[in-house]
Amino acid sequence: GAQIPSSCTVGPYCTVGPDVVLGEECELVSHVVLDGHLTMGRRNR
């Protein structure tokens, strides 16, 4: 259910919940937790 564009990078040990929507070119470096009804735009690190 999580929406992650192909331009994004999800690093080691990250956890992304089912209601998370990421924009283009986002990067989760490592061990990041994204939860709840979360909408994130473009190019966030």
All heavy atoms as atom14 arrays in JSON, in Angstrom:
{
  "sequence": "GAQIPSSCTVGPYCTVGPDVVLGEECELVSHVVLDGHLTMGRRNR",
  "atom14_mask": [
    [1, 1, 1, 1, 0, 0, 0, 0, 0, 0, 0, 0, 0, 0],
    [1, 1, 1, 1, 1, 0, 0, 0, 0, 0, 0, 0, 0, 0],
    [1, 1, 1, 1, 1, 1, 1, 1, 1, 0, 0, 0, 0, 0],
    [1, 1, 1, 1, 1, 1, 1, 1, 0, 0, 0, 0, 0, 0],
    [1, 1, 1, 1, 1, 1, 1, 0, 0, 0, 0, 0, 0, 0],
    [1, 1, 1, 1, 1, 1, 0, 0, 0, 0, 0, 0, 0, 0],
    [1, 1, 1, 1, 1, 1, 0, 0, 0, 0, 0, 0, 0, 0],
    [1, 1, 1, 1, 1, 1, 0, 0, 0, 0, 0, 0, 0, 0],
    [1, 1, 1, 1, 1, 1, 1, 0, 0, 0, 0, 0, 0, 0],
    [1, 1, 1, 1, 1, 1, 1, 0, 0, 0, 0, 0, 0, 0],
    [1, 1, 1, 1, 0, 0, 0, 0, 0, 0, 0, 0, 0, 0],
    [1, 1, 1, 1, 1, 1, 1, 0, 0, 0, 0, 0, 0, 0],
    [1, 1, 1, 1, 1, 1, 1, 1, 1, 1, 1, 1, 0, 0],
    [1, 1, 1, 1, 1, 1, 0, 0, 0, 0, 0, 0, 0, 0],
    [1, 1, 1, 1, 1, 1, 1, 0, 0, 0, 0, 0, 0, 0],
    [1, 1, 1, 1, 1, 1, 1, 0, 0, 0, 0, 0, 0, 0],
    [1, 1, 1, 1, 0, 0, 0, 0, 0, 0, 0, 0, 0, 0],
    [1, 1, 1, 1, 1, 1, 1, 0, 0, 0, 0, 0, 0, 0],
    [1, 1, 1, 1, 1, 1, 1, 1, 0, 0, 0, 0, 0, 0],
    [1, 1, 1, 1, 1, 1, 1, 0, 0, 0, 0, 0, 0, 0],
    [1, 1, 1, 1, 1, 1, 1, 0, 0, 0, 0, 0, 0, 0],
    [1, 1, 1, 1, 1, 1, 1, 1, 0, 0, 0, 0, 0, 0],
    [1, 1, 1, 1, 0, 0, 0, 0, 0, 0, 0, 0, 0, 0],
    [1, 1, 1, 1, 1, 1, 1, 1, 1, 0, 0, 0, 0, 0],
    [1, 1, 1, 1, 1, 1, 1, 1, 1, 0, 0, 0, 0, 0],
    [1, 1, 1, 1, 1, 1, 0, 0, 0, 0, 0, 0, 0, 0],
    [1, 1, 1, 1, 1, 1, 1, 1, 1, 0, 0, 0, 0, 0],
    [1, 1, 1, 1, 1, 1, 1, 1, 0, 0, 0, 0, 0, 0],
    [1, 1, 1, 1, 1, 1, 1, 0, 0, 0, 0, 0, 0, 0],
    [1, 1, 1, 1, 1, 1, 0, 0, 0, 0, 0, 0, 0, 0],
    [1, 1, 1, 1, 1, 1, 1, 1, 1, 1, 0, 0, 0, 0],
    [1, 1, 1, 1, 1, 1, 1, 0, 0, 0, 0, 0, 0, 0],
    [1, 1, 1, 1, 1, 1, 1, 0, 0, 0, 0, 0, 0, 0],
    [1, 1, 1, 1, 1, 1, 1, 1, 0, 0, 0, 0, 0, 0],
    [1, 1, 1, 1, 1, 1, 1, 1, 0, 0, 0, 0, 0, 0],
    [1, 1, 1, 1, 0, 0, 0, 0, 0, 0, 0, 0, 0, 0],
    [1, 1, 1, 1, 1, 1, 1, 1, 1, 1, 0, 0, 0, 0],
    [1, 1, 1, 1, 1, 1, 1, 1, 0, 0, 0, 0, 0, 0],
    [1, 1, 1, 1, 1, 1, 1, 0, 0, 0, 0, 0, 0, 0],
    [1, 1, 1, 1, 1, 1, 1, 1, 0, 0, 0, 0, 0, 0],
    [1, 1, 1, 1, 0, 0, 0, 0, 0, 0, 0, 0, 0, 0],
    [1, 1, 1, 1, 1, 1, 1, 1, 1, 1, 1, 0, 0, 0],
    [1, 1, 1, 1, 1, 1, 1, 1, 1, 1, 1, 0, 0, 0],
    [1, 1, 1, 1, 1, 1, 1, 1, 0, 0, 0, 0, 0, 0],
    [1, 1, 1, 1, 1, 1, 1, 1, 1, 1, 1, 0, 0, 0]
  ],
  "atom14_positions": [
    [[0.8, -1.21, 0.0], [0.0, 0.0, 0.0], [0.83, 1.26, 0.0], [0.36, 2.31, -0.43], [0.0, 0.0, 0.0], [0.0, 0.0, 0.0], [0.0, 0.0, 0.0], [0.0, 0.0, 0.0], [0.0, 0.0, 0.0], [0.0, 0.0, 0.0], [0.0, 0.0, 0.0], [0.0, 0.0, 0.0], [0.0, 0.0, 0.0], [0.0, 0.0, 0.0]],
    [[2.06, 1.18, 0.48], [2.95, 2.35, 0.46], [3.25, 2.72, -0.98], [3.46, 1.86, -1.84], [4.24, 2.05, 1.21], [0.0, 0.0, 0.0], [0.0, 0.0, 0.0], [0.0, 0.0, 0.0], [0.0, 0.0, 0.0], [0.0, 0.0, 0.0], [0.0, 0.0, 0.0], [0.0, 0.0, 0.0], [0.0, 0.0, 0.0], [0.0, 0.0, 0.0]],
    [[3.28, 4.02, -1.27], [3.53, 4.5, -2.63], [4.92, 5.14, -2.69], [5.14, 6.2, -2.1], [2.46, 5.5, -3.05], [1.06, 4.9, -3.07], [0.01, 5.9, -3.49], [0.23, 6.74, -4.38], [-1.16, 5.85, -2.85], [0.0, 0.0, 0.0], [0.0, 0.0, 0.0], [0.0, 0.0, 0.0], [0.0, 0.0, 0.0], [0.0, 0.0, 0.0]],
    [[5.84, 4.46, -3.38], [7.23, 4.91, -3.44], [7.65, 4.95, -4.91], [7.77, 3.9, -5.55], [8.15, 3.96, -2.64], [7.67, 3.86, -1.19], [9.59, 4.45, -2.69], [8.46, 2.88, -0.35], [0.0, 0.0, 0.0], [0.0, 0.0, 0.0], [0.0, 0.0, 0.0], [0.0, 0.0, 0.0], [0.0, 0.0, 0.0], [0.0, 0.0, 0.0]],
    [[7.89, 6.13, -5.47], [8.32, 6.22, -6.87], [9.67, 5.54, -7.08], [10.48, 5.38, -6.16], [8.43, 7.73, -7.11], [7.56, 8.36, -6.08], [7.67, 7.48, -4.88], [0.0, 0.0, 0.0], [0.0, 0.0, 0.0], [0.0, 0.0, 0.0], [0.0, 0.0, 0.0], [0.0, 0.0, 0.0], [0.0, 0.0, 0.0], [0.0, 0.0, 0.0]],
    [[9.93, 5.17, -8.33], [11.16, 4.46, -8.66], [12.4, 5.32, -8.48], [13.52, 4.81, -8.38], [11.09, 3.97, -10.11], [10.93, 5.06, -11.0], [0.0, 0.0, 0.0], [0.0, 0.0, 0.0], [0.0, 0.0, 0.0], [0.0, 0.0, 0.0], [0.0, 0.0, 0.0], [0.0, 0.0, 0.0], [0.0, 0.0, 0.0], [0.0, 0.0, 0.0]],
    [[12.25, 6.64, -8.4], [13.4, 7.53, -8.22], [13.84, 7.64, -6.76], [14.85, 8.29, -6.46], [13.07, 8.93, -8.74], [11.94, 9.46, -8.06], [0.0, 0.0, 0.0], [0.0, 0.0, 0.0], [0.0, 0.0, 0.0], [0.0, 0.0, 0.0], [0.0, 0.0, 0.0], [0.0, 0.0, 0.0], [0.0, 0.0, 0.0], [0.0, 0.0, 0.0]],
    [[13.11, 7.02, -5.84], [13.43, 7.12, -4.41], [14.45, 6.05, -4.01], [14.61, 5.02, -4.67], [12.17, 6.94, -3.57], [10.98, 8.3, -3.72], [0.0, 0.0, 0.0], [0.0, 0.0, 0.0], [0.0, 0.0, 0.0], [0.0, 0.0, 0.0], [0.0, 0.0, 0.0], [0.0, 0.0, 0.0], [0.0, 0.0, 0.0], [0.0, 0.0, 0.0]],
    [[15.12, 6.32, -2.88], [16.06, 5.37, -2.3], [15.63, 5.09, -0.86], [15.45, 6.02, -0.07], [17.49, 5.94, -2.3], [17.89, 6.2, -3.64], [18.47, 4.96, -1.66], [0.0, 0.0, 0.0], [0.0, 0.0, 0.0], [0.0, 0.0, 0.0], [0.0, 0.0, 0.0], [0.0, 0.0, 0.0], [0.0, 0.0, 0.0], [0.0, 0.0, 0.0]],
    [[15.48, 3.81, -0.54], [15.12, 3.38, 0.8], [16.28, 2.56, 1.33], [16.57, 1.47, 0.83], [13.82, 2.56, 0.81], [13.48, 2.12, 2.24], [12.67, 3.37, 0.22], [0.0, 0.0, 0.0], [0.0, 0.0, 0.0], [0.0, 0.0, 0.0], [0.0, 0.0, 0.0], [0.0, 0.0, 0.0], [0.0, 0.0, 0.0], [0.0, 0.0, 0.0]],
    [[16.97, 3.09, 2.34], [18.19, 2.47, 2.84], [17.95, 1.33, 3.8], [16.81, 0.93, 4.05], [0.0, 0.0, 0.0], [0.0, 0.0, 0.0], [0.0, 0.0, 0.0], [0.0, 0.0, 0.0], [0.0, 0.0, 0.0], [0.0, 0.0, 0.0], [0.0, 0.0, 0.0], [0.0, 0.0, 0.0], [0.0, 0.0, 0.0], [0.0, 0.0, 0.0]],
    [[19.04, 0.81, 4.37], [18.94, -0.37, 5.24], [18.06, -0.15, 6.45], [18.07, 0.92, 7.07], [20.39, -0.6, 5.67], [21.24, 0.11, 4.67], [20.43, 1.25, 4.17], [0.0, 0.0, 0.0], [0.0, 0.0, 0.0], [0.0, 0.0, 0.0], [0.0, 0.0, 0.0], [0.0, 0.0, 0.0], [0.0, 0.0, 0.0], [0.0, 0.0, 0.0]],
    [[17.28, -1.16, 6.78], [16.51, -1.25, 8.01], [15.46, -0.15, 8.17], [15.04, 0.16, 9.28], [17.44, -1.26, 9.24], [18.4, -2.43, 9.21], [19.73, -2.24, 8.83], [17.98, -3.72, 9.53], [20.61, -3.3, 8.78], [18.85, -4.79, 9.48], [20.17, -4.57, 9.1], [21.04, -5.63, 9.04], [0.0, 0.0, 0.0], [0.0, 0.0, 0.0]],
    [[15.03, 0.45, 7.08], [13.93, 1.4, 7.15], [12.6, 0.66, 7.24], [12.46, -0.46, 6.75], [13.93, 2.31, 5.92], [15.35, 3.41, 5.83], [0.0, 0.0, 0.0], [0.0, 0.0, 0.0], [0.0, 0.0, 0.0], [0.0, 0.0, 0.0], [0.0, 0.0, 0.0], [0.0, 0.0, 0.0], [0.0, 0.0, 0.0], [0.0, 0.0, 0.0]],
    [[11.61, 1.31, 7.85], [10.26, 0.76, 7.95], [9.28, 1.79, 7.4], [9.23, 2.93, 7.88], [9.91, 0.44, 9.42], [10.85, -0.48, 9.95], [8.52, -0.17, 9.52], [0.0, 0.0, 0.0], [0.0, 0.0, 0.0], [0.0, 0.0, 0.0], [0.0, 0.0, 0.0], [0.0, 0.0, 0.0], [0.0, 0.0, 0.0], [0.0, 0.0, 0.0]],
    [[8.51, 1.39, 6.41], [7.57, 2.3, 5.75], [6.17, 1.7, 5.87], [5.93, 0.57, 5.43], [7.94, 2.52, 4.27], [6.97, 3.48, 3.61], [9.38, 3.02, 4.15], [0.0, 0.0, 0.0], [0.0, 0.0, 0.0], [0.0, 0.0, 0.0], [0.0, 0.0, 0.0], [0.0, 0.0, 0.0], [0.0, 0.0, 0.0], [0.0, 0.0, 0.0]],
    [[5.25, 2.47, 6.46], [3.9, 1.98, 6.7], [3.03, 1.97, 5.45], [3.38, 2.55, 4.41], [0.0, 0.0, 0.0], [0.0, 0.0, 0.0], [0.0, 0.0, 0.0], [0.0, 0.0, 0.0], [0.0, 0.0, 0.0], [0.0, 0.0, 0.0], [0.0, 0.0, 0.0], [0.0, 0.0, 0.0], [0.0, 0.0, 0.0], [0.0, 0.0, 0.0]],
    [[1.84, 1.37, 5.53], [0.99, 1.18, 4.36], [0.34, 2.45, 3.82], [-0.12, 2.47, 2.68], [-0.08, 0.19, 4.85], [-0.13, 0.41, 6.34], [1.26, 0.74, 6.74], [0.0, 0.0, 0.0], [0.0, 0.0, 0.0], [0.0, 0.0, 0.0], [0.0, 0.0, 0.0], [0.0, 0.0, 0.0], [0.0, 0.0, 0.0], [0.0, 0.0, 0.0]],
    [[0.27, 3.5, 4.63], [-0.4, 4.74, 4.21], [0.58, 5.86, 3.9], [0.21, 7.04, 3.91], [-1.39, 5.18, 5.3], [-2.48, 4.16, 5.53], [-3.12, 3.74, 4.54], [-2.69, 3.76, 6.7], [0.0, 0.0, 0.0], [0.0, 0.0, 0.0], [0.0, 0.0, 0.0], [0.0, 0.0, 0.0], [0.0, 0.0, 0.0], [0.0, 0.0, 0.0]],
    [[1.82, 5.48, 3.62], [2.86, 6.47, 3.33], [2.93, 6.7, 1.82], [2.93, 5.75, 1.02], [4.23, 6.0, 3.85], [5.35, 6.93, 3.38], [4.2, 5.91, 5.37], [0.0, 0.0, 0.0], [0.0, 0.0, 0.0], [0.0, 0.0, 0.0], [0.0, 0.0, 0.0], [0.0, 0.0, 0.0], [0.0, 0.0, 0.0], [0.0, 0.0, 0.0]],
    [[2.99, 7.98, 1.42], [3.12, 8.36, 0.01], [4.35, 9.26, -0.12], [4.39, 10.35, 0.47], [1.87, 9.09, -0.5], [2.04, 9.5, -1.96], [0.63, 8.22, -0.32], [0.0, 0.0, 0.0], [0.0, 0.0, 0.0], [0.0, 0.0, 0.0], [0.0, 0.0, 0.0], [0.0, 0.0, 0.0], [0.0, 0.0, 0.0], [0.0, 0.0, 0.0]],
    [[5.34, 8.83, -0.89], [6.55, 9.61, -1.1], [6.54, 10.26, -2.47], [6.05, 9.67, -3.45], [7.8, 8.73, -0.97], [8.06, 8.05, 0.38], [9.41, 7.34, 0.35], [8.0, 9.05, 1.51], [0.0, 0.0, 0.0], [0.0, 0.0, 0.0], [0.0, 0.0, 0.0], [0.0, 0.0, 0.0], [0.0, 0.0, 0.0], [0.0, 0.0, 0.0]],
    [[7.1, 11.46, -2.57], [7.3, 12.1, -3.86], [8.58, 11.62, -4.53], [9.32, 10.79, -3.99], [0.0, 0.0, 0.0], [0.0, 0.0, 0.0], [0.0, 0.0, 0.0], [0.0, 0.0, 0.0], [0.0, 0.0, 0.0], [0.0, 0.0, 0.0], [0.0, 0.0, 0.0], [0.0, 0.0, 0.0], [0.0, 0.0, 0.0], [0.0, 0.0, 0.0]],
    [[8.86, 12.17, -5.7], [10.04, 11.76, -6.46], [11.34, 12.13, -5.74], [11.43, 13.14, -5.05], [10.03, 12.44, -7.84], [8.83, 12.09, -8.71], [8.91, 10.69, -9.29], [10.0, 10.07, -9.24], [7.87, 10.21, -9.82], [0.0, 0.0, 0.0], [0.0, 0.0, 0.0], [0.0, 0.0, 0.0], [0.0, 0.0, 0.0], [0.0, 0.0, 0.0]],
    [[12.34, 11.29, -5.92], [13.73, 11.54, -5.51], [13.91, 11.74, -4.01], [14.81, 12.45, -3.57], [14.29, 12.76, -6.25], [14.27, 12.62, -7.76], [14.77, 13.87, -8.45], [15.94, 14.24, -8.24], [13.96, 14.48, -9.18], [0.0, 0.0, 0.0], [0.0, 0.0, 0.0], [0.0, 0.0, 0.0], [0.0, 0.0, 0.0], [0.0, 0.0, 0.0]],
    [[13.08, 11.1, -3.22], [13.29, 11.12, -1.78], [14.32, 10.05, -1.4], [14.45, 9.02, -2.07], [11.98, 10.85, -1.03], [10.81, 12.23, -1.09], [0.0, 0.0, 0.0], [0.0, 0.0, 0.0], [0.0, 0.0, 0.0], [0.0, 0.0, 0.0], [0.0, 0.0, 0.0], [0.0, 0.0, 0.0], [0.0, 0.0, 0.0], [0.0, 0.0, 0.0]],
    [[15.04, 10.32, -0.31], [16.03, 9.36, 0.17], [15.84, 9.12, 1.66], [15.82, 10.06, 2.45], [17.45, 9.85, -0.09], [18.51, 8.88, 0.43], [19.93, 9.38, 0.27], [20.11, 10.52, -0.2], [20.86, 8.64, 0.65], [0.0, 0.0, 0.0], [0.0, 0.0, 0.0], [0.0, 0.0, 0.0], [0.0, 0.0, 0.0], [0.0, 0.0, 0.0]],
    [[15.7, 7.86, 2.04], [15.7, 7.44, 3.44], [17.05, 6.8, 3.69], [17.34, 5.73, 3.16], [14.56, 6.46, 3.72], [13.17, 6.84, 3.19], [12.15, 5.78, 3.59], [12.75, 8.21, 3.68], [0.0, 0.0, 0.0], [0.0, 0.0, 0.0], [0.0, 0.0, 0.0], [0.0, 0.0, 0.0], [0.0, 0.0, 0.0], [0.0, 0.0, 0.0]],
    [[17.9, 7.43, 4.47], [19.31, 7.01, 4.55], [19.42, 5.63, 5.17], [20.0, 4.72, 4.57], [20.13, 8.06, 5.33], [21.55, 7.57, 5.57], [20.15, 9.38, 4.57], [0.0, 0.0, 0.0], [0.0, 0.0, 0.0], [0.0, 0.0, 0.0], [0.0, 0.0, 0.0], [0.0, 0.0, 0.0], [0.0, 0.0, 0.0], [0.0, 0.0, 0.0]],
    [[18.93, 5.44, 6.38], [18.89, 4.12, 7.02], [18.1, 4.22, 8.32], [18.01, 5.29, 8.92], [20.29, 3.59, 7.31], [20.89, 4.27, 8.4], [0.0, 0.0, 0.0], [0.0, 0.0, 0.0], [0.0, 0.0, 0.0], [0.0, 0.0, 0.0], [0.0, 0.0, 0.0], [0.0, 0.0, 0.0], [0.0, 0.0, 0.0], [0.0, 0.0, 0.0]],
    [[17.51, 3.09, 8.76], [16.82, 3.0, 10.05], [15.75, 4.08, 10.23], [15.48, 4.52, 11.35], [17.83, 3.09, 11.2], [18.84, 2.0, 11.22], [19.98, 2.06, 10.45], [18.89, 0.84, 11.92], [20.71, 0.97, 10.67], [20.06, 0.22, 11.54], [0.0, 0.0, 0.0], [0.0, 0.0, 0.0], [0.0, 0.0, 0.0], [0.0, 0.0, 0.0]],
    [[15.14, 4.52, 9.15], [14.08, 5.54, 9.22], [12.73, 4.86, 9.41], [12.46, 3.81, 8.8], [14.07, 6.39, 7.93], [12.88, 7.33, 7.9], [15.38, 7.17, 7.8], [0.0, 0.0, 0.0], [0.0, 0.0, 0.0], [0.0, 0.0, 0.0], [0.0, 0.0, 0.0], [0.0, 0.0, 0.0], [0.0, 0.0, 0.0], [0.0, 0.0, 0.0]],
    [[11.86, 5.46, 10.23], [10.51, 4.96, 10.42], [9.52, 5.99, 9.86], [9.5, 7.14, 10.32], [10.2, 4.7, 11.9], [8.73, 4.3, 12.09], [11.11, 3.61, 12.46], [0.0, 0.0, 0.0], [0.0, 0.0, 0.0], [0.0, 0.0, 0.0], [0.0, 0.0, 0.0], [0.0, 0.0, 0.0], [0.0, 0.0, 0.0], [0.0, 0.0, 0.0]],
    [[8.74, 5.58, 8.87], [7.66, 6.41, 8.33], [6.35, 5.69, 8.62], [6.19, 4.52, 8.25], [7.83, 6.62, 6.82], [9.14, 7.23, 6.34], [9.09, 7.45, 4.83], [9.45, 8.53, 7.06], [0.0, 0.0, 0.0], [0.0, 0.0, 0.0], [0.0, 0.0, 0.0], [0.0, 0.0, 0.0], [0.0, 0.0, 0.0], [0.0, 0.0, 0.0]],
    [[5.41, 6.39, 9.26], [4.21, 5.71, 9.73], [3.01, 6.62, 9.54], [3.13, 7.81, 9.25], [4.38, 5.33, 11.21], [3.36, 4.32, 11.69], [2.74, 3.65, 10.84], [3.17, 4.2, 12.92], [0.0, 0.0, 0.0], [0.0, 0.0, 0.0], [0.0, 0.0, 0.0], [0.0, 0.0, 0.0], [0.0, 0.0, 0.0], [0.0, 0.0, 0.0]],
    [[1.82, 6.05, 9.73], [0.58, 6.81, 9.67], [0.28, 7.3, 8.27], [0.87, 6.89, 7.28], [0.0, 0.0, 0.0], [0.0, 0.0, 0.0], [0.0, 0.0, 0.0], [0.0, 0.0, 0.0], [0.0, 0.0, 0.0], [0.0, 0.0, 0.0], [0.0, 0.0, 0.0], [0.0, 0.0, 0.0], [0.0, 0.0, 0.0], [0.0, 0.0, 0.0]],
    [[-0.68, 8.22, 8.17], [-1.07, 8.82, 6.9], [-0.09, 9.95, 6.6], [-0.34, 11.11, 6.92], [-2.52, 9.32, 6.97], [-3.52, 8.21, 7.07], [-4.16, 7.66, 5.98], [-3.96, 7.51, 8.15], [-4.97, 6.69, 6.37], [-4.87, 6.58, 7.7], [0.0, 0.0, 0.0], [0.0, 0.0, 0.0], [0.0, 0.0, 0.0], [0.0, 0.0, 0.0]],
    [[1.01, 9.58, 5.99], [2.11, 10.5, 5.75], [2.26, 10.74, 4.25], [2.38, 9.8, 3.47], [3.42, 9.92, 6.3], [4.73, 10.6, 5.89], [4.78, 12.04, 6.39], [5.92, 9.8, 6.44], [0.0, 0.0, 0.0], [0.0, 0.0, 0.0], [0.0, 0.0, 0.0], [0.0, 0.0, 0.0], [0.0, 0.0, 0.0], [0.0, 0.0, 0.0]],
    [[2.26, 12.02, 3.87], [2.51, 12.42, 2.48], [3.75, 13.29, 2.45], [3.84, 14.28, 3.17], [1.32, 13.2, 1.89], [0.14, 12.39, 1.96], [1.59, 13.57, 0.44], [0.0, 0.0, 0.0], [0.0, 0.0, 0.0], [0.0, 0.0, 0.0], [0.0, 0.0, 0.0], [0.0, 0.0, 0.0], [0.0, 0.0, 0.0], [0.0, 0.0, 0.0]],
    [[4.69, 12.92, 1.61], [5.95, 13.64, 1.53], [6.19, 14.05, 0.08], [5.99, 13.24, -0.84], [7.09, 12.74, 2.03], [8.42, 13.43, 2.21], [9.69, 12.32, 2.9], [9.07, 12.07, 4.56], [0.0, 0.0, 0.0], [0.0, 0.0, 0.0], [0.0, 0.0, 0.0], [0.0, 0.0, 0.0], [0.0, 0.0, 0.0], [0.0, 0.0, 0.0]],
    [[6.61, 15.29, -0.14], [6.85, 15.79, -1.49], [8.16, 15.29, -2.1], [8.67, 14.24, -1.74], [0.0, 0.0, 0.0], [0.0, 0.0, 0.0], [0.0, 0.0, 0.0], [0.0, 0.0, 0.0], [0.0, 0.0, 0.0], [0.0, 0.0, 0.0], [0.0, 0.0, 0.0], [0.0, 0.0, 0.0], [0.0, 0.0, 0.0], [0.0, 0.0, 0.0]],
    [[8.73, 16.1, -2.98], [9.91, 15.71, -3.74], [11.21, 16.06, -3.02], [11.27, 17.0, -2.24], [9.91, 16.42, -5.1], [8.7, 16.13, -5.98], [8.63, 17.07, -7.17], [9.86, 17.04, -7.96], [10.07, 16.22, -8.98], [9.14, 15.36, -9.31], [11.2, 16.25, -9.65], [0.0, 0.0, 0.0], [0.0, 0.0, 0.0], [0.0, 0.0, 0.0]],
    [[12.25, 15.28, -3.32], [13.63, 15.58, -2.94], [13.82, 15.82, -1.44], [14.6, 16.68, -1.04], [14.16, 16.78, -3.73], [14.17, 16.6, -5.23], [14.76, 17.81, -5.94], [14.16, 19.06, -5.5], [12.99, 19.52, -5.93], [12.28, 18.81, -6.82], [12.51, 20.66, -5.47], [0.0, 0.0, 0.0], [0.0, 0.0, 0.0], [0.0, 0.0, 0.0]],
    [[13.14, 15.07, -0.64], [13.37, 15.12, 0.8], [14.42, 14.07, 1.18], [14.43, 12.97, 0.63], [12.08, 14.84, 1.57], [11.08, 15.96, 1.41], [11.24, 17.05, 1.93], [10.02, 15.69, 0.63], [0.0, 0.0, 0.0], [0.0, 0.0, 0.0], [0.0, 0.0, 0.0], [0.0, 0.0, 0.0], [0.0, 0.0, 0.0], [0.0, 0.0, 0.0]],
    [[15.3, 14.43, 2.11], [16.31, 13.49, 2.59], [16.12, 13.31, 4.08], [16.16, 14.27, 4.85], [17.72, 14.0, 2.29], [18.77, 12.91, 2.44], [20.15, 13.39, 2.04], [21.07, 12.28, 1.96], [22.4, 12.39, 2.09], [22.95, 13.58, 2.26], [23.16, 11.32, 2.03], [0.0, 0.0, 0.0], [0.0, 0.0, 0.0], [0.0, 0.0, 0.0]]
  ]
}
